[in-house]
Amino acid sequence: MADNLTLMAVHAHPDDEASSTGGVLARYSAEGARTIVVTCTNGEFGDAPGGIKPDADGHDEQEVAEIRLAELRESAKHLGVTDLELLGYHDSGMVEWEYKNRPDAFCNVPLDDVAARIGGLIERYRPQVVITYDPDGGYQHPDHVHASRGAAEAVRRTGIPAKLYLTAMPISKWRELWTALKEAGADMPGEDGISPESQEQMEASERRITTTIDIRPVLARKQAALMAHASQVSESWFSKIPPELGERVFGEESFIRAMDSTGAPVPEDDLFAGLR
């Protein structure tokens, strides 16, 4: 039965596939399901070699994109991703940056066009399950929001997937992680790393969680996939997470079931519940 199951994850940038869905991609690929990763942008506004930021001398967008896409392909190998689809849009940058006003930024591509391209991939691969971001979650990156809305619209138009899930990070686990790393001397952002607005959004998302997947058996593969994105994580706090803390905080991946035609009861511990 697993040979007939297909999972599609729609992401904004190279490295998102590992951080928020690496566990389920690795778990279900190990079970024999087909796993599809759709990456909407090339990640041009990531860090250049040496940690150079987009607004600094020496940051070359094309070079960064080539590095990040190569890292994405390596990450996909660790996760056992069956098919990797690159839409090739230009990174929009963070919400507070001016880059998002560029006409070629992904967030400015008409939603109809994005949904049509994702819909074409849904028609080709016919996934029963699609995963993307929570557009109302705590991380309001313009590309994440646009990718989420495009994926949801594509699911609606095609009517093919039986289930649509949104990623969710429990705020309680984020706080545990932030506190432990801060105590270990890591340079962590903010007072607790969460703005008041994001805190409210994350708390609301946590209340909406319907599905929690145990990924501890494949956690090492998720971590390897994350570290494959060395240009973005090698100097970050993410690379300093102690193993025992990593298992406790990242041993599960949580999701909000946004659409379902199977009638499977919630809470769930399987994205394919009701399909096998």
Protein backbone atom coordinates (compact mmCIF):
# COMPACT_ATOMS: atom_id res chain seq x y z
CA MET A 1 0.00 0.00 0.00
CA ALA A 2 2.85 2.41 0.79
CA ASP A 3 3.94 2.19 -2.84
CA ASN A 4 0.71 3.97 -3.79
CA LEU A 5 1.09 6.81 -1.25
CA THR A 6 2.45 10.19 -2.29
CA LEU A 7 3.35 13.16 -0.11
CA MET A 8 4.08 16.62 -1.56
CA ALA A 9 5.70 19.40 0.48
CA VAL A 10 5.52 22.93 -0.97
CA HIS A 11 8.29 25.20 0.34
CA ALA A 12 9.58 28.69 -0.26
CA HIS A 13 13.39 28.38 -0.02
CA PRO A 14 16.17 25.81 -0.04
CA ASP A 15 16.56 24.56 3.59
CA ASP A 16 12.84 24.92 4.48
CA GLU A 17 12.26 21.33 3.39
CA ALA A 18 14.65 20.12 6.10
CA SER A 19 13.74 22.41 8.97
CA SER A 20 9.97 22.00 9.02
CA THR A 21 9.25 18.77 7.15
CA GLY A 22 12.55 16.88 7.10
CA GLY A 23 11.28 14.32 9.57
CA VAL A 24 8.11 13.37 7.73
CA LEU A 25 9.87 13.34 4.38
CA ALA A 26 12.50 10.94 5.73
CA ARG A 27 9.96 8.82 7.63
CA TYR A 28 7.54 8.32 4.79
CA SER A 29 10.24 7.80 2.16
CA ALA A 30 11.66 5.06 4.42
CA GLU A 31 8.20 3.47 4.47
CA GLY A 32 8.11 3.38 0.69
CA ALA A 33 5.93 6.39 -0.04
CA ARG A 34 6.77 8.74 -2.88
CA THR A 35 7.90 12.13 -1.59
CA ILE A 36 7.85 15.31 -3.66
CA VAL A 37 9.49 18.59 -2.63
CA VAL A 38 8.46 21.74 -4.48
CA THR A 39 10.79 24.70 -3.81
CA CYS A 40 9.41 28.00 -5.06
CA THR A 41 12.49 30.27 -4.95
CA ASN A 42 16.22 29.91 -5.43
CA GLY A 43 17.05 31.55 -2.09
CA GLU A 44 19.03 34.44 -3.57
CA PHE A 45 18.78 36.48 -0.37
CA GLY A 46 20.40 33.92 1.86
CA ASP A 47 23.89 34.43 3.26
CA ALA A 48 26.81 34.42 0.84
CA PRO A 49 30.00 32.51 1.74
CA GLY A 50 31.49 33.95 4.92
CA GLY A 51 28.07 34.94 6.25
CA ILE A 52 27.82 37.99 3.98
CA LYS A 53 24.31 39.45 4.07
CA PRO A 54 22.34 40.65 1.01
CA ASP A 55 22.97 44.34 1.79
CA ALA A 56 26.75 43.91 2.13
CA ASP A 57 29.58 44.13 -0.40
CA GLY A 58 30.51 40.76 -1.80
CA HIS A 59 26.99 39.31 -1.84
CA ASP A 60 26.30 37.88 -5.31
CA GLU A 61 22.71 36.74 -5.75
CA GLN A 62 23.44 34.25 -8.52
CA GLU A 63 26.32 32.68 -6.61
CA VAL A 64 24.18 32.33 -3.51
CA ALA A 65 21.38 30.73 -5.52
CA GLU A 66 23.73 28.18 -7.07
CA ILE A 67 25.18 27.26 -3.67
CA ARG A 68 21.79 26.94 -2.03
CA LEU A 69 20.29 24.84 -4.81
CA ALA A 70 23.27 22.47 -4.65
CA GLU A 71 22.74 22.20 -0.90
CA LEU A 72 19.05 21.52 -1.49
CA ARG A 73 19.88 18.61 -3.76
CA GLU A 74 22.20 17.17 -1.11
CA SER A 75 19.56 17.63 1.57
CA ALA A 76 17.01 15.83 -0.60
CA LYS A 77 19.35 12.83 -0.83
CA HIS A 78 19.55 12.59 2.97
CA LEU A 79 15.76 12.74 3.21
CA GLY A 80 15.15 10.20 0.48
CA VAL A 81 13.11 12.69 -1.55
CA THR A 82 11.86 10.97 -4.67
CA ASP A 83 11.32 14.05 -6.85
CA LEU A 84 12.57 17.63 -6.45
CA GLU A 85 10.75 20.37 -8.37
CA LEU A 86 12.25 23.87 -8.62
CA LEU A 87 9.92 26.68 -9.65
CA GLY A 88 12.85 29.11 -9.96
CA TYR A 89 11.24 32.28 -8.62
CA HIS A 90 13.38 35.02 -7.05
CA ASP A 91 13.64 35.22 -3.27
CA SER A 92 11.66 38.18 -1.84
CA GLY A 93 13.76 38.69 1.30
CA MET A 94 12.48 39.22 4.84
CA VAL A 95 9.28 41.10 5.58
CA GLU A 96 11.13 44.20 6.83
CA TRP A 97 13.47 44.39 3.81
CA GLU A 98 12.85 46.57 0.76
CA TYR A 99 13.78 43.81 -1.67
CA LYS A 100 10.25 42.46 -1.52
CA ASN A 101 9.14 45.47 -3.56
CA ARG A 102 11.11 44.29 -6.58
CA PRO A 103 8.84 43.24 -9.46
CA ASP A 104 10.70 39.93 -9.84
CA ALA A 105 10.22 38.98 -6.17
CA PHE A 106 8.23 35.80 -5.68
CA CYS A 107 5.70 37.49 -3.42
CA ASN A 108 4.75 39.77 -6.34
CA VAL A 109 4.05 36.94 -8.77
CA PRO A 110 0.27 36.72 -9.29
CA LEU A 111 -1.24 34.07 -7.04
CA ASP A 112 -3.12 32.65 -10.02
CA ASP A 113 0.20 31.92 -11.78
CA VAL A 114 1.74 30.29 -8.71
CA ALA A 115 -1.34 28.15 -8.09
CA ALA A 116 -1.39 27.08 -11.73
CA ARG A 117 2.22 25.86 -11.60
CA ILE A 118 1.77 24.02 -8.32
CA GLY A 119 -1.53 22.64 -9.61
CA GLY A 120 0.25 21.27 -12.66
CA LEU A 121 2.62 19.35 -10.38
CA ILE A 122 -0.30 18.07 -8.31
CA GLU A 123 -1.92 16.78 -11.49
CA ARG A 124 1.35 15.11 -12.52
CA TYR A 125 2.18 13.43 -9.19
CA ARG A 126 -1.34 13.11 -7.74
CA PRO A 127 -0.38 13.31 -4.05
CA GLN A 128 -2.92 12.26 -1.46
CA VAL A 129 -1.26 14.60 1.06
CA VAL A 130 0.11 18.13 0.58
CA ILE A 131 2.04 20.06 3.25
CA THR A 132 2.84 23.76 3.28
CA TYR A 133 3.11 26.62 5.79
CA ASP A 134 0.52 28.16 8.07
CA PRO A 135 -0.07 31.60 6.47
CA ASP A 136 -1.31 32.85 9.84
CA GLY A 137 1.61 31.41 11.81
CA GLY A 138 4.30 33.24 13.72
CA TYR A 139 6.83 33.42 10.87
CA GLN A 140 5.40 35.87 8.35
CA HIS A 141 8.05 35.66 5.64
CA PRO A 142 6.49 36.99 2.40
CA ASP A 143 7.61 33.93 0.45
CA HIS A 144 6.23 31.49 3.03
CA VAL A 145 2.85 33.19 2.99
CA HIS A 146 2.74 33.29 -0.82
CA ALA A 147 3.84 29.66 -1.17
CA SER A 148 1.17 28.60 1.33
CA ARG A 149 -1.60 30.47 -0.42
CA GLY A 150 -0.49 29.17 -3.81
CA ALA A 151 -0.42 25.58 -2.57
CA ALA A 152 -3.82 25.85 -0.88
CA GLU A 153 -5.37 27.31 -4.02
CA ALA A 154 -3.79 24.59 -6.15
CA VAL A 155 -5.23 21.92 -3.84
CA ARG A 156 -8.66 23.55 -4.07
CA ARG A 157 -8.59 23.86 -7.85
CA THR A 158 -7.37 20.36 -8.62
CA GLY A 159 -9.43 18.56 -5.99
CA ILE A 160 -6.86 15.74 -6.08
CA PRO A 161 -5.25 15.70 -2.60
CA ALA A 162 -7.33 14.18 0.19
CA LYS A 163 -5.53 16.15 2.89
CA LEU A 164 -3.81 19.51 3.27
CA TYR A 165 -1.55 20.18 6.25
CA LEU A 166 0.09 23.34 7.57
CA THR A 167 3.35 23.20 9.52
CA ALA A 168 3.31 24.32 13.15
CA MET A 169 6.02 24.78 15.78
CA PRO A 170 4.68 24.58 19.35
CA ILE A 171 5.73 27.77 21.13
CA SER A 172 6.48 25.78 24.28
CA LYS A 173 9.19 23.82 22.47
CA TRP A 174 10.63 26.96 20.88
CA ARG A 175 10.97 28.58 24.31
CA GLU A 176 12.67 25.50 25.73
CA LEU A 177 15.14 25.54 22.86
CA TRP A 178 15.78 29.29 23.10
CA THR A 179 16.39 29.17 26.85
CA ALA A 180 18.79 26.20 26.66
CA LEU A 181 20.84 27.75 23.87
CA LYS A 182 20.94 31.14 25.59
CA GLU A 183 22.22 29.47 28.77
CA ALA A 184 24.85 27.67 26.68
CA GLY A 185 26.14 31.02 25.42
CA ALA A 186 24.60 31.08 21.95
CA ASP A 187 23.79 34.50 20.49
CA MET A 188 20.02 34.23 20.38
CA PRO A 189 17.71 36.94 18.99
CA GLY A 190 15.49 39.06 21.26
CA GLU A 191 14.37 38.55 24.82
CA ASP A 192 12.89 35.18 24.03
CA GLY A 193 13.28 35.28 20.25
CA ILE A 194 9.58 35.98 19.69
CA SER A 195 7.87 39.30 19.10
CA PRO A 196 4.55 39.86 20.91
CA GLU A 197 2.69 39.57 17.61
CA SER A 198 4.47 36.33 16.67
CA GLN A 199 3.88 34.97 20.16
CA GLU A 200 0.14 35.46 19.77
CA GLN A 201 0.19 33.84 16.33
CA MET A 202 2.27 30.86 17.52
CA GLU A 203 0.03 30.31 20.52
CA ALA A 204 -3.01 30.33 18.23
CA SER A 205 -1.27 27.86 15.87
CA GLU A 206 -0.39 25.53 18.73
CA ARG A 207 -4.05 25.39 19.77
CA ARG A 208 -4.93 24.35 16.21
CA ILE A 209 -2.46 21.44 15.98
CA THR A 210 -4.24 18.24 14.96
CA THR A 211 -1.39 15.97 13.96
CA THR A 212 1.91 15.08 15.62
CA ILE A 213 4.38 12.74 13.97
CA ASP A 214 7.15 10.89 15.83
CA ILE A 215 10.31 11.38 13.78
CA ARG A 216 12.88 10.17 16.31
CA PRO A 217 13.78 7.09 14.23
CA VAL A 218 14.81 9.38 11.34
CA LEU A 219 16.02 12.38 13.33
CA ALA A 220 19.64 11.77 12.31
CA ARG A 221 18.61 12.02 8.65
CA LYS A 222 16.78 15.28 9.31
CA GLN A 223 19.84 16.68 11.08
CA ALA A 224 22.09 15.60 8.20
CA ALA A 225 19.75 17.34 5.77
CA LEU A 226 19.84 20.52 7.85
CA MET A 227 23.62 20.49 7.98
CA ALA A 228 23.73 19.99 4.21
CA HIS A 229 22.66 23.65 4.08
CA ALA A 230 26.04 24.66 5.49
CA SER A 231 26.04 28.12 3.91
CA GLN A 232 23.03 29.07 6.02
CA VAL A 233 23.41 27.08 9.26
CA SER A 234 27.11 26.46 9.93
CA GLU A 235 27.52 29.73 11.86
CA SER A 236 24.01 29.90 13.26
CA TRP A 237 22.56 28.88 16.60
CA PHE A 238 20.87 26.00 14.78
CA SER A 239 24.18 24.17 14.49
CA LYS A 240 24.80 24.45 18.24
CA ILE A 241 21.79 22.44 19.45
CA PRO A 242 22.93 19.67 21.85
CA PRO A 243 21.83 16.18 20.68
CA GLU A 244 19.70 15.45 23.74
CA LEU A 245 17.90 18.78 23.39
CA GLY A 246 17.46 18.23 19.68
CA GLU A 247 15.68 14.93 20.26
CA ARG A 248 13.41 16.39 22.91
CA VAL A 249 12.46 19.50 20.93
CA PHE A 250 12.65 18.19 17.38
CA GLY A 251 11.72 14.54 17.92
CA GLU A 252 8.25 15.32 16.67
CA GLU A 253 6.85 17.41 13.82
CA SER A 254 3.48 19.05 14.29
CA PHE A 255 0.84 20.01 11.75
CA ILE A 256 -2.56 21.63 11.43
CA ARG A 257 -4.97 19.66 9.24
CA ALA A 258 -6.52 22.35 7.08
CA MET A 259 -8.47 20.11 4.69
CA ASP A 260 -9.53 16.48 4.82
CA SER A 261 -11.85 14.26 2.80
CA THR A 262 -11.03 10.98 4.57
CA GLY A 263 -12.98 11.48 7.77
CA ALA A 264 -10.02 10.29 9.84
CA PRO A 265 -10.44 11.36 13.48
CA VAL A 266 -8.12 13.83 15.14
CA PRO A 267 -5.72 14.03 16.85
CA GLU A 268 -3.63 12.00 14.41
CA ASP A 269 -0.17 10.46 14.49
CA ASP A 270 -0.01 9.69 10.75
CA LEU A 271 -0.35 12.08 7.80
CA PHE A 272 -1.83 9.20 5.78
CA ALA A 273 -4.46 8.35 8.40
CA GLY A 274 -7.66 7.42 6.60
CA LEU A 275 -5.74 6.55 3.44
CA ARG A 276 -4.39 3.14 4.43
